Amino acid sequence: MRTRTPFTCTVILVAASLLGAAGCAGTDSSDGADAAPRTVEPVAGCGAGGWTDPSDLAPDRKPARCDKGAPAPRPLAEKRKITVATGTLSAEYVAPLQVAVAKGEFAKEGLDVSLKVLPTPDALPLLAKGDVDAQWAAPEAAVMNGINGGFAIKWVAGNFSPDPASKSGLWVRLKGGESADHVDMAGRKLGTMIGKGSVIAYPMDTSLKKHGGGLDRISFQQLGSADVLTALQNGGVDSAWLLDPIWRKVDGDKKYAFLGGQPVGEPLGGLLFGPNLLHKDPDAGVAFLRAYIRTVNTYFAGDYKADPAFVSELAGLMKTDEATLRSTPSMRMDWEIRKGTTDRLQKAYADSGVSEGAVVPEDQAVDRAMYGEAVGHKP
């Protein structure tokens, strides 16, 4: 393995949707293309269960898991300082990173990680230029359009999929004679915090098409997080995408029906790397993934909300109400990426008219090699 020059990494974690991407002067998607193959060694505690077949799309698929405390730290020879910025620190899917900092999991790898809330609009071009090193976000339409434009960016790890009991997703206010099984969505107005270019377009499109809709047959009204439920309840919109735990406010009310949410077992977001961690210092990239994966295995392996003490700790880290955090089921934290997800996402982007250029092949958008190395999986 090559000796790398230490540098300061800035990891940008973005929770909000990226609705557009500016050009990226100076981007070199070929940077590091001649890098020597990396050695993948067996990892104690990460046997066959540390990797699952990406083509397995079964809703009841068990996510990959290693033993508690695995993969063990392999500290870098020289410490890297990493600044982690996020659009929010109160979202549950960011919790593994907060726990990794609080429990010293990044420090065990020789990574000095700090979390910082940062506005998102400029993140994507900065990532592509190498001014920042990673994003905790998703392969949004803007990301795929950027890759088409030459951005050296890849999706390198997943984040979560919902518990089957979760009803986070598309809710509709029923009209006379309608039921959850028979709803005419064509022509309705949908309220959402998320624009058409978000990864949520994929499950939303699937649910709409089951009910005579589709992203091209409804109108959107973008609303603030505090206004989505209110607009649905007062008639300002006919339907809405409600997140955890907001959907609890209408669950059980016969005036509303849940039409579907994010596919169970299929993460739609996670970690994006730019040229710095993909090519210039992949040792630091693998170390970051190793700490993240170890945190999932140690603290988020199953129903983590069954532990009252841990829920209290999470609520403190997230600065959220403990009762609210308990009101929804545990997420299925999952670092792996399913086969074909970016294809399905791009189909939804095309349906909603936000795609630019040709479809990006999966191997140009996804790289499973780094998390494979972290758990000792040889291709």
Protein backbone atom coordinates (compact mmCIF):
# COMPACT_ATOMS: atom_id res chain seq x y z
CA MET A 1 0.00 0.00 0.00
CA ARG A 2 1.37 3.43 -0.87
CA THR A 3 2.46 5.95 1.71
CA ARG A 4 0.09 8.90 1.55
CA THR A 5 0.79 12.53 2.30
CA PRO A 6 -1.28 13.56 5.34
CA PHE A 7 -3.89 16.21 4.67
CA THR A 8 -6.92 17.76 6.31
CA CYS A 9 -10.12 16.15 5.12
CA THR A 10 -13.40 18.04 5.18
CA VAL A 11 -16.34 15.65 5.05
CA ILE A 12 -19.57 17.32 4.11
CA LEU A 13 -22.69 15.54 5.32
CA VAL A 14 -25.80 16.75 3.60
CA ALA A 15 -29.27 15.77 4.77
CA ALA A 16 -31.23 18.09 2.49
CA SER A 17 -31.94 17.46 -1.20
CA LEU A 18 -29.49 18.77 -3.78
CA LEU A 19 -31.67 20.39 -6.40
CA GLY A 20 -29.01 21.55 -8.84
CA ALA A 21 -25.32 21.30 -9.62
CA ALA A 22 -23.06 24.00 -10.96
CA GLY A 23 -20.19 23.28 -13.28
CA CYS A 24 -16.92 22.14 -11.74
CA ALA A 25 -13.92 23.73 -13.34
CA GLY A 26 -10.77 21.78 -12.77
CA THR A 27 -12.48 18.46 -12.01
CA ASP A 28 -10.36 15.51 -13.11
CA SER A 29 -12.39 12.31 -13.10
CA SER A 30 -9.28 10.36 -14.15
CA ASP A 31 -7.31 11.36 -11.03
CA GLY A 32 -5.93 8.19 -9.50
CA ALA A 33 -7.06 5.93 -12.32
CA ASP A 34 -3.59 4.36 -12.40
CA ALA A 35 -3.56 3.57 -8.66
CA ALA A 36 -2.20 0.15 -7.73
CA PRO A 37 -4.77 -2.50 -6.73
CA ARG A 38 -5.42 -2.51 -3.00
CA THR A 39 -4.80 -5.56 -0.86
CA VAL A 40 -7.92 -7.04 0.75
CA GLU A 41 -7.27 -9.21 3.80
CA PRO A 42 -9.65 -11.30 5.93
CA VAL A 43 -11.11 -9.30 8.84
CA ALA A 44 -11.70 -10.98 12.20
CA GLY A 45 -15.34 -10.84 13.24
CA CYS A 46 -16.53 -10.12 9.70
CA GLY A 47 -17.09 -13.50 8.11
CA ALA A 48 -19.74 -14.43 5.59
CA GLY A 49 -22.27 -12.21 7.35
CA GLY A 50 -20.20 -9.10 6.75
CA TRP A 51 -21.24 -9.01 3.09
CA THR A 52 -24.53 -9.71 1.34
CA ASP A 53 -25.22 -10.25 -2.34
CA PRO A 54 -26.06 -6.80 -3.79
CA SER A 55 -28.63 -8.41 -6.08
CA ASP A 56 -30.69 -9.61 -3.10
CA LEU A 57 -33.62 -7.18 -3.03
CA ALA A 58 -35.88 -9.17 -0.70
CA PRO A 59 -37.72 -6.90 1.75
CA ASP A 60 -36.90 -9.29 4.60
CA ARG A 61 -33.20 -9.40 3.73
CA LYS A 62 -31.04 -9.18 6.83
CA PRO A 63 -28.47 -6.39 6.52
CA ALA A 64 -24.78 -7.28 6.65
CA ARG A 65 -23.37 -7.51 10.15
CA CYS A 66 -20.02 -8.24 11.77
CA ASP A 67 -19.41 -9.06 15.43
CA LYS A 68 -19.69 -6.32 18.00
CA GLY A 69 -16.47 -4.29 17.90
CA ALA A 70 -15.60 -5.42 14.37
CA PRO A 71 -13.93 -4.55 12.12
CA ALA A 72 -11.16 -3.78 14.59
CA PRO A 73 -9.36 -0.43 14.26
CA ARG A 74 -6.25 -0.19 12.09
CA PRO A 75 -4.96 3.26 13.02
CA LEU A 76 -3.32 5.30 10.30
CA ALA A 77 0.39 6.00 10.68
CA GLU A 78 -0.31 9.73 10.82
CA LYS A 79 -3.47 11.35 12.11
CA ARG A 80 -5.91 12.94 9.67
CA LYS A 81 -8.16 15.76 10.80
CA ILE A 82 -11.65 15.43 9.36
CA THR A 83 -14.38 18.05 9.65
CA VAL A 84 -17.82 16.53 9.18
CA ALA A 85 -20.54 18.99 8.22
CA THR A 86 -24.22 18.15 7.96
CA GLY A 87 -27.43 19.91 7.06
CA THR A 88 -28.80 18.70 10.41
CA LEU A 89 -27.65 16.95 13.57
CA SER A 90 -31.17 16.01 14.65
CA ALA A 91 -31.94 13.41 11.96
CA GLU A 92 -31.76 9.82 13.17
CA TYR A 93 -29.84 8.60 10.12
CA VAL A 94 -26.96 10.87 11.15
CA ALA A 95 -26.85 9.24 14.61
CA PRO A 96 -24.22 6.58 13.78
CA LEU A 97 -21.75 9.34 12.95
CA GLN A 98 -22.53 11.22 16.15
CA VAL A 99 -22.11 8.04 18.16
CA ALA A 100 -18.86 7.23 16.36
CA VAL A 101 -17.49 10.60 17.46
CA ALA A 102 -18.84 10.37 21.00
CA LYS A 103 -17.57 6.81 21.53
CA GLY A 104 -14.16 7.50 20.00
CA GLU A 105 -14.56 5.08 17.08
CA PHE A 106 -13.07 7.52 14.57
CA ALA A 107 -10.26 8.40 16.97
CA LYS A 108 -9.31 4.70 17.13
CA GLU A 109 -8.54 4.90 13.39
CA GLY A 110 -6.32 7.97 13.76
CA LEU A 111 -9.10 10.25 12.51
CA ASP A 112 -9.82 13.50 14.35
CA VAL A 113 -13.45 14.03 13.39
CA SER A 114 -15.63 16.99 14.30
CA LEU A 115 -19.26 17.49 13.23
CA LYS A 116 -20.35 20.87 11.92
CA VAL A 117 -23.67 22.05 10.50
CA LEU A 118 -23.08 23.57 7.07
CA PRO A 119 -25.44 24.94 4.39
CA THR A 120 -25.70 22.56 1.46
CA PRO A 121 -25.99 24.48 -1.86
CA ASP A 122 -22.29 24.62 -2.66
CA ALA A 123 -21.36 21.14 -1.42
CA LEU A 124 -21.54 19.15 -4.66
CA PRO A 125 -19.18 21.24 -6.83
CA LEU A 126 -16.78 21.56 -3.87
CA LEU A 127 -16.78 17.79 -3.47
CA ALA A 128 -16.06 17.28 -7.16
CA LYS A 129 -13.21 19.80 -7.14
CA GLY A 130 -11.61 18.19 -4.08
CA ASP A 131 -12.16 21.21 -1.83
CA VAL A 132 -14.21 18.87 0.36
CA ASP A 133 -13.84 15.13 0.51
CA ALA A 134 -17.21 13.46 1.10
CA GLN A 135 -20.91 14.03 1.60
CA TRP A 136 -23.38 12.19 3.79
CA ALA A 137 -26.22 12.58 1.35
CA ALA A 138 -27.63 10.50 -1.51
CA PRO A 139 -27.29 9.97 -5.27
CA GLU A 140 -29.76 12.78 -5.97
CA ALA A 141 -30.54 13.92 -9.52
CA ALA A 142 -27.95 16.68 -9.13
CA VAL A 143 -25.29 14.10 -8.26
CA MET A 144 -26.09 11.94 -11.28
CA ASN A 145 -26.17 15.01 -13.53
CA GLY A 146 -22.81 16.05 -12.07
CA ILE A 147 -21.28 12.64 -12.79
CA ASN A 148 -22.56 12.98 -16.35
CA GLY A 149 -20.75 16.30 -16.47
CA GLY A 150 -17.43 14.78 -15.38
CA PHE A 151 -17.59 15.03 -11.58
CA ALA A 152 -15.32 12.44 -9.91
CA ILE A 153 -17.91 11.35 -7.33
CA LYS A 154 -19.12 7.91 -6.27
CA TRP A 155 -21.62 6.53 -3.76
CA VAL A 156 -19.48 4.34 -1.49
CA ALA A 157 -21.74 3.30 1.43
CA GLY A 158 -25.41 3.11 2.37
CA ASN A 159 -27.14 4.51 5.45
CA PHE A 160 -30.46 2.86 6.37
CA SER A 161 -33.73 1.37 5.27
CA PRO A 162 -37.00 1.70 7.22
CA ASP A 163 -38.44 -0.82 9.61
CA PRO A 164 -41.42 -2.62 8.01
CA ALA A 165 -43.64 -1.11 10.71
CA SER A 166 -42.74 2.45 9.72
CA LYS A 167 -45.32 4.46 7.78
CA SER A 168 -43.00 7.26 6.81
CA GLY A 169 -43.96 8.08 3.25
CA LEU A 170 -46.87 9.09 1.03
CA TRP A 171 -50.16 9.93 2.76
CA VAL A 172 -53.36 11.11 1.07
CA ARG A 173 -56.56 12.73 2.31
CA LEU A 174 -59.35 10.48 1.08
CA LYS A 175 -62.30 11.71 -0.97
CA GLY A 176 -65.79 10.25 -0.83
CA GLY A 177 -65.86 6.57 -1.76
CA GLU A 178 -62.08 6.18 -1.67
CA SER A 179 -60.07 3.79 0.48
CA ALA A 180 -56.39 2.98 0.85
CA ASP A 181 -56.84 0.36 -1.89
CA HIS A 182 -58.64 2.68 -4.32
CA VAL A 183 -57.31 6.24 -4.60
CA ASP A 184 -57.17 8.32 -7.78
CA MET A 185 -53.94 10.33 -7.48
CA ALA A 186 -53.90 11.87 -10.97
CA GLY A 187 -54.22 15.64 -10.82
CA ARG A 188 -53.69 15.93 -7.07
CA LYS A 189 -51.38 18.36 -5.32
CA LEU A 190 -48.61 16.86 -3.20
CA GLY A 191 -46.95 18.73 -0.38
CA THR A 192 -43.35 17.84 0.40
CA MET A 193 -40.09 19.24 1.74
CA ILE A 194 -38.34 17.34 -1.04
CA GLY A 195 -38.04 18.47 -4.63
CA LYS A 196 -38.44 16.26 -7.68
CA GLY A 197 -34.68 15.68 -7.77
CA SER A 198 -34.57 13.85 -4.46
CA VAL A 199 -34.09 10.10 -4.09
CA ILE A 200 -37.59 10.00 -2.58
CA ALA A 201 -38.88 10.51 -6.12
CA TYR A 202 -38.27 6.79 -6.70
CA PRO A 203 -40.58 5.34 -3.99
CA MET A 204 -43.02 8.21 -4.49
CA ASP A 205 -43.31 7.43 -8.20
CA THR A 206 -43.86 3.74 -7.42
CA SER A 207 -46.68 4.51 -4.98
CA LEU A 208 -48.32 7.07 -7.27
CA LYS A 209 -48.38 4.72 -10.26
CA LYS A 210 -50.29 2.14 -8.22
CA HIS A 211 -53.06 4.73 -7.92
CA GLY A 212 -53.31 6.25 -11.38
CA GLY A 213 -50.74 8.95 -10.72
CA GLY A 214 -47.04 9.20 -11.42
CA LEU A 215 -44.67 12.11 -10.97
CA ASP A 216 -45.77 13.52 -14.33
CA ARG A 217 -49.46 13.49 -13.38
CA ILE A 218 -49.43 15.40 -10.09
CA SER A 219 -48.40 18.89 -9.03
CA PHE A 220 -45.92 19.65 -6.26
CA GLN A 221 -46.00 22.25 -3.52
CA GLN A 222 -42.72 22.52 -1.65
CA LEU A 223 -43.28 23.35 2.02
CA GLY A 224 -41.28 23.80 5.18
CA SER A 225 -40.99 20.86 7.54
CA ALA A 226 -43.46 22.42 9.99
CA ASP A 227 -46.04 23.11 7.25
CA VAL A 228 -46.43 19.80 5.42
CA LEU A 229 -48.81 18.16 7.91
CA THR A 230 -50.77 21.38 8.44
CA ALA A 231 -51.33 21.78 4.69
CA LEU A 232 -52.57 18.20 4.42
CA GLN A 233 -54.95 18.62 7.33
CA ASN A 234 -56.40 21.99 6.28
CA GLY A 235 -56.83 21.10 2.60
CA GLY A 236 -53.95 23.13 1.23
CA VAL A 237 -52.66 19.95 -0.44
CA ASP A 238 -54.32 16.62 -1.21
CA SER A 239 -51.37 14.44 -0.23
CA ALA A 240 -48.01 14.71 1.50
CA TRP A 241 -44.77 12.89 2.18
CA LEU A 242 -44.70 12.58 5.98
CA LEU A 243 -41.51 11.63 7.82
CA ASP A 244 -40.92 9.93 11.17
CA PRO A 245 -42.60 10.66 13.56
CA ILE A 246 -45.00 13.14 11.89
CA TRP A 247 -47.12 10.40 10.32
CA ARG A 248 -48.19 9.38 13.82
CA LYS A 249 -50.49 12.44 13.78
CA VAL A 250 -52.75 10.94 11.08
CA ASP A 251 -52.20 7.21 11.59
CA GLY A 252 -55.53 5.61 12.53
CA ASP A 253 -57.60 8.56 11.25
CA LYS A 254 -60.00 7.21 8.62
CA LYS A 255 -59.82 10.47 6.64
CA TYR A 256 -56.25 9.57 5.58
CA ALA A 257 -54.52 6.61 3.95
CA PHE A 258 -50.89 5.54 3.74
CA LEU A 259 -49.93 4.61 0.17
CA GLY A 260 -46.29 3.57 0.58
CA GLY A 261 -42.81 4.61 1.62
CA GLN A 262 -39.15 3.86 1.03
CA PRO A 263 -38.55 0.26 -0.06
CA VAL A 264 -37.78 -2.00 2.89
CA GLY A 265 -34.24 -3.31 2.69
CA GLU A 266 -32.99 -0.74 0.15
CA PRO A 267 -30.90 2.21 1.40
CA LEU A 268 -31.31 5.31 -0.77
CA GLY A 269 -28.50 7.41 0.63
CA GLY A 270 -25.26 7.37 2.59
CA LEU A 271 -21.70 8.35 1.91
CA LEU A 272 -20.44 9.99 -1.29
CA PHE A 273 -16.69 10.30 -1.89
CA GLY A 274 -14.95 12.77 -4.16
CA PRO A 275 -11.46 12.52 -5.71
CA ASN A 276 -9.58 13.04 -2.42
CA LEU A 277 -10.82 9.90 -0.69
CA LEU A 278 -11.46 7.89 -3.84
CA HIS A 279 -7.97 8.40 -5.26
CA LYS A 280 -5.59 10.64 -3.32
CA ASP A 281 -5.95 9.08 0.13
CA PRO A 282 -8.10 5.93 0.01
CA ASP A 283 -6.46 4.76 3.26
CA ALA A 284 -8.31 7.55 5.04
CA GLY A 285 -11.50 6.67 3.17
CA VAL A 286 -11.34 3.02 4.22
CA ALA A 287 -10.51 4.04 7.80
CA PHE A 288 -13.58 6.29 7.91
CA LEU A 289 -15.77 3.47 6.59
CA ARG A 290 -14.23 0.99 9.03
CA ALA A 291 -15.15 3.23 11.99
CA TYR A 292 -18.65 3.80 10.64
CA ILE A 293 -19.26 0.09 10.06
CA ARG A 294 -17.88 -0.80 13.50
CA THR A 295 -20.25 1.73 15.07
CA VAL A 296 -23.23 0.15 13.32
CA ASN A 297 -22.18 -3.34 14.43
CA THR A 298 -21.57 -2.27 18.01
CA TYR A 299 -24.45 0.12 18.70
CA PHE A 300 -27.06 -0.19 15.90
CA ALA A 301 -27.00 -3.91 15.07
CA GLY A 302 -30.65 -4.59 15.88
CA ASP A 303 -33.50 -2.94 17.76
CA TYR A 304 -31.34 -0.30 19.38
CA LYS A 305 -34.38 1.51 20.76
CA ALA A 306 -35.06 -1.44 23.04
CA ASP A 307 -32.25 -0.10 25.26
CA PRO A 308 -33.69 2.85 27.25
CA ALA A 309 -30.25 4.09 28.25
CA PHE A 310 -29.07 4.19 24.64
CA VAL A 311 -32.23 5.98 23.50
CA SER A 312 -31.57 8.60 26.18
CA GLU A 313 -28.01 8.95 24.93
CA LEU A 314 -29.20 9.30 21.34
CA ALA A 315 -31.79 11.91 22.28
CA GLY A 316 -29.04 13.91 23.96
CA LEU A 317 -26.74 13.70 20.95
CA MET A 318 -29.54 14.60 18.54
CA LYS A 319 -30.98 17.25 20.87
CA THR A 320 -34.45 15.82 20.33
CA ASP A 321 -37.29 14.77 22.60
CA GLU A 322 -36.76 11.29 24.00
CA ALA A 323 -40.45 10.35 23.77
CA THR A 324 -40.52 11.41 20.12
CA LEU A 325 -37.47 9.29 19.39
CA ARG A 326 -39.12 6.29 21.05
CA SER A 327 -42.37 6.74 19.07
CA THR A 328 -41.01 5.24 15.85
CA PRO A 329 -39.32 1.87 15.27
CA SER A 330 -35.55 1.52 14.99
CA MET A 331 -34.10 2.13 11.56
CA ARG A 332 -32.24 -0.70 9.85
CA MET A 333 -28.78 0.83 9.63
CA ASP A 334 -27.16 -0.67 6.54
CA TRP A 335 -23.79 0.26 5.00
CA GLU A 336 -24.33 -1.78 1.82
CA ILE A 337 -25.69 -0.60 -1.53
CA ARG A 338 -28.22 -2.70 -3.46
CA LYS A 339 -27.77 -3.53 -7.13
CA GLY A 340 -29.77 -1.35 -9.52
CA THR A 341 -30.73 1.37 -7.04
CA THR A 342 -29.15 4.14 -9.11
CA ASP A 343 -30.92 2.81 -12.22
CA ARG A 344 -34.29 2.94 -10.44
CA LEU A 345 -33.55 6.41 -9.11
CA GLN A 346 -32.65 7.70 -12.56
CA LYS A 347 -35.87 6.29 -14.00
CA ALA A 348 -37.79 8.36 -11.44
CA TYR A 349 -35.71 11.45 -12.22
CA ALA A 350 -36.50 11.00 -15.91
CA ASP A 351 -40.22 10.65 -15.12
CA SER A 352 -40.12 13.91 -13.18
CA GLY A 353 -38.10 15.74 -15.85
CA VAL A 354 -34.98 16.54 -13.83
CA SER A 355 -32.44 14.31 -15.59
CA GLU A 356 -29.73 15.78 -17.78
CA GLY A 357 -27.84 13.68 -20.28
CA ALA A 358 -27.55 9.92 -20.61
CA VAL A 359 -28.26 7.39 -17.89
CA VAL A 360 -25.18 6.94 -15.69
CA PRO A 361 -24.14 3.25 -15.55
CA GLU A 362 -23.98 1.85 -12.02
CA ASP A 363 -20.23 1.24 -12.14
CA GLN A 364 -19.71 4.97 -12.77
CA ALA A 365 -21.87 5.98 -9.80
CA VAL A 366 -21.29 3.22 -7.21
CA ASP A 367 -18.12 1.79 -5.64
CA ARG A 368 -18.55 -1.05 -3.14
CA ALA A 369 -14.81 -1.79 -2.96
CA MET A 370 -13.99 0.36 0.08
CA TYR A 371 -16.65 -1.05 2.38
CA GLY A 372 -15.77 -4.46 0.98
CA GLU A 373 -12.16 -3.90 2.03
CA ALA A 374 -13.26 -2.70 5.46
CA VAL A 375 -15.03 -6.02 6.15
CA GLY A 376 -12.48 -8.21 4.31
CA HIS A 377 -14.62 -9.12 1.31
CA LYS A 378 -12.67 -9.99 -1.83
CA PRO A 379 -14.47 -9.34 -5.15
